[in-house]
N, C-alpha and C. Protein backbone atom coordinates (compact mmCIF):
# COMPACT_ATOMS: atom_id res chain seq x y z
N MET A 1 81.65 122.65 113.83
CA MET A 1 82.03 121.23 113.84
C MET A 1 83.39 120.85 113.32
N ALA A 2 84.33 120.23 114.22
CA ALA A 2 85.84 119.58 113.64
C ALA A 2 85.78 118.45 112.75
N VAL A 3 86.36 118.70 111.92
CA VAL A 3 86.55 117.64 110.85
C VAL A 3 87.32 116.36 111.69
N MET A 4 87.23 115.07 111.77
CA MET A 4 87.89 114.04 112.35
C MET A 4 88.98 113.39 111.35
N ASP A 5 90.51 113.45 111.65
CA ASP A 5 91.43 112.88 110.98
C ASP A 5 91.10 111.58 110.77
N GLU A 6 91.52 111.05 109.55
CA GLU A 6 91.44 109.44 109.21
C GLU A 6 92.06 108.88 110.13
N GLU A 7 93.15 109.22 110.83
CA GLU A 7 94.17 108.50 111.55
C GLU A 7 93.53 108.57 113.24
N ALA A 8 92.75 109.44 113.48
CA ALA A 8 91.84 109.53 114.64
C ALA A 8 91.20 108.38 115.23
N GLY A 9 90.40 107.67 114.32
CA GLY A 9 89.62 106.74 114.62
C GLY A 9 90.00 105.23 114.13
N PRO A 10 89.38 104.31 114.55
CA PRO A 10 89.69 102.82 114.01
C PRO A 10 89.41 102.93 112.48
N ARG A 11 90.47 102.27 111.90
CA ARG A 11 90.18 102.01 110.56
C ARG A 11 89.63 100.78 110.33
N ARG A 12 88.86 100.71 109.23
CA ARG A 12 88.21 99.25 108.73
C ARG A 12 89.30 98.66 107.95
N ARG A 13 89.79 97.31 108.22
CA ARG A 13 90.49 96.44 107.80
C ARG A 13 90.30 96.55 106.41
N GLN A 14 91.58 96.90 105.88
CA GLN A 14 91.41 96.85 104.16
C GLN A 14 91.57 95.11 103.54
N VAL A 15 90.61 95.15 102.72
CA VAL A 15 90.67 93.59 102.30
C VAL A 15 91.66 93.37 101.12
N LEU A 16 92.48 92.37 101.26
CA LEU A 16 93.54 92.35 100.21
C LEU A 16 92.94 92.04 98.91
N GLU A 17 93.49 92.49 97.91
CA GLU A 17 93.02 91.81 96.58
C GLU A 17 93.87 90.60 96.43
N LYS A 18 93.63 89.46 95.88
CA LYS A 18 94.07 88.34 95.83
C LYS A 18 94.31 88.21 94.51
N PRO A 19 95.77 88.67 93.88
CA PRO A 19 96.11 88.44 92.73
C PRO A 19 96.05 87.19 92.16
N ARG A 20 95.94 86.94 90.56
CA ARG A 20 95.76 85.73 90.08
C ARG A 20 97.42 85.38 89.42
N PHE A 21 97.87 84.35 89.66
CA PHE A 21 99.35 84.00 89.73
C PHE A 21 99.73 83.54 88.28
N ASP A 22 98.67 83.48 87.39
CA ASP A 22 98.77 83.08 85.97
C ASP A 22 99.83 84.11 85.51
N GLY A 23 101.17 83.60 84.50
CA GLY A 23 101.80 84.43 84.18
C GLY A 23 102.61 84.85 84.77
N TRP A 24 103.12 84.67 86.16
CA TRP A 24 103.89 85.44 87.16
C TRP A 24 105.01 84.23 87.20
N ASP A 25 106.38 84.73 86.78
CA ASP A 25 107.41 83.82 86.98
C ASP A 25 107.72 83.81 88.60
N VAL A 26 108.81 82.92 88.72
CA VAL A 26 109.10 82.61 90.12
C VAL A 26 109.76 83.72 90.87
N GLY A 27 110.45 84.61 89.99
CA GLY A 27 110.92 85.86 90.53
C GLY A 27 109.95 86.66 91.03
N GLN A 28 108.74 86.78 90.14
CA GLN A 28 107.33 87.81 90.83
C GLN A 28 106.99 87.04 91.71
N LEU A 29 107.00 85.74 91.70
CA LEU A 29 106.25 84.99 92.93
C LEU A 29 107.11 85.63 94.54
N GLN A 30 108.33 85.10 94.25
CA GLN A 30 109.49 85.29 95.32
C GLN A 30 109.40 86.82 95.95
N GLU A 31 109.42 88.03 94.53
CA GLU A 31 109.01 89.09 95.32
C GLU A 31 107.50 89.38 95.93
N TYR A 32 106.75 89.04 95.62
CA TYR A 32 105.27 89.06 96.05
C TYR A 32 105.41 88.64 97.73
N ILE A 33 106.07 87.04 97.57
CA ILE A 33 105.99 86.98 99.10
C ILE A 33 106.83 87.74 99.92
N ALA A 34 107.99 88.18 99.55
CA ALA A 34 108.54 89.15 100.43
C ALA A 34 108.03 90.21 100.74
N GLU A 35 107.14 90.94 99.91
CA GLU A 35 106.40 92.04 100.25
C GLU A 35 105.47 91.41 101.10
N LEU A 36 104.91 90.31 101.08
CA LEU A 36 103.58 89.86 102.29
C LEU A 36 104.36 89.64 103.72
N GLN A 37 105.85 89.13 103.48
CA GLN A 37 106.31 88.80 105.27
C GLN A 37 106.95 90.34 105.56
N ALA A 38 106.98 90.89 104.76
CA ALA A 38 107.48 92.42 105.39
C ALA A 38 106.32 93.10 106.01
N GLU A 39 104.90 93.11 105.37
CA GLU A 39 103.49 93.32 105.84
C GLU A 39 103.60 92.61 107.30
N ILE A 40 103.78 91.44 107.09
CA ILE A 40 103.36 90.51 108.45
C ILE A 40 104.36 91.05 109.55
N ALA A 41 105.56 91.22 109.14
CA ALA A 41 106.34 91.67 110.21
C ALA A 41 106.53 93.09 110.88
N ARG A 42 105.52 93.89 109.73
CA ARG A 42 105.07 95.23 110.52
C ARG A 42 103.98 95.14 111.31
N ALA A 43 102.92 94.14 110.94
CA ALA A 43 101.74 93.81 112.04
C ALA A 43 102.66 93.20 113.26
N GLU A 44 103.19 92.46 113.12
CA GLU A 44 103.87 91.65 114.18
C GLU A 44 104.42 92.72 115.54
N ILE A 45 105.16 93.51 114.67
CA ILE A 45 105.72 94.79 115.76
C ILE A 45 104.68 95.39 116.07
N ALA A 46 103.64 95.75 115.58
CA ALA A 46 102.20 96.73 116.22
C ALA A 46 102.01 95.98 117.39
N ILE A 47 101.72 94.54 116.84
CA ILE A 47 101.14 93.82 118.07
C ILE A 47 101.83 93.84 119.41
N SER A 48 103.28 93.60 119.04
CA SER A 48 104.12 93.63 120.29
C SER A 48 104.34 95.13 120.93
N ALA A 49 104.25 95.96 120.29
CA ALA A 49 104.17 97.25 120.86
C ALA A 49 102.73 97.72 121.83
N ARG A 50 101.51 96.93 121.31
CA ARG A 50 100.66 97.20 122.04
C ARG A 50 100.44 96.19 123.26
N ASN A 51 101.10 95.43 123.26
CA ASN A 51 101.29 94.17 124.22
C ASN A 51 102.27 94.66 125.16
N ASP A 52 103.11 95.39 125.04
CA ASP A 52 104.34 96.06 125.83
C ASP A 52 103.81 97.02 126.55
N HIS A 53 102.70 98.03 125.70
CA HIS A 53 101.76 99.29 126.62
C HIS A 53 100.89 98.61 127.59
N ARG A 54 100.47 97.69 127.16
CA ARG A 54 99.46 97.10 127.89
C ARG A 54 99.96 96.53 129.20
N ALA A 55 101.04 95.92 128.86
CA ALA A 55 101.93 95.38 130.35
C ALA A 55 102.30 96.05 130.89
N ALA A 56 102.85 97.25 130.52
CA ALA A 56 103.41 98.36 131.65
C ALA A 56 102.03 98.90 132.05
N ALA A 57 101.09 99.16 131.55
CA ALA A 57 99.91 99.71 132.26
C ALA A 57 99.37 98.71 133.51
N GLU A 58 99.45 97.36 133.28
CA GLU A 58 99.00 96.40 134.14
C GLU A 58 99.81 96.51 135.32
N ALA A 59 101.10 96.65 134.98
CA ALA A 59 102.03 96.98 136.19
C ALA A 59 101.77 98.15 136.99
N PHE A 60 101.47 99.09 136.24
CA PHE A 60 101.56 100.28 136.78
C PHE A 60 100.34 100.27 137.87
N PHE A 61 99.14 99.68 137.29
CA PHE A 61 97.95 99.63 138.10
C PHE A 61 97.87 98.77 139.11
N LYS A 62 98.94 97.49 138.99
CA LYS A 62 98.47 96.19 139.83
C LYS A 62 98.67 96.72 141.25
N LYS A 63 97.65 96.05 141.92
CA LYS A 63 97.90 96.20 143.14
C LYS A 63 98.29 94.94 144.31
N GLY A 64 99.06 95.56 145.16
CA GLY A 64 99.21 94.34 146.17
C GLY A 64 101.05 94.83 145.95
């Protein structure tokens, strides 16, 4: 029996740990926000790519 690669199937969404901001200075908070914004941008790129693929497939199979 073949072992499935972790990347082969859908992954469960990882629950983000919500840090406590007690003791964080402004710079640390800004760095944390920048990291989150980068991750959001990465997710938006993935969404855009999936939408582009879907639109291409729909255009290819469109009848009429």
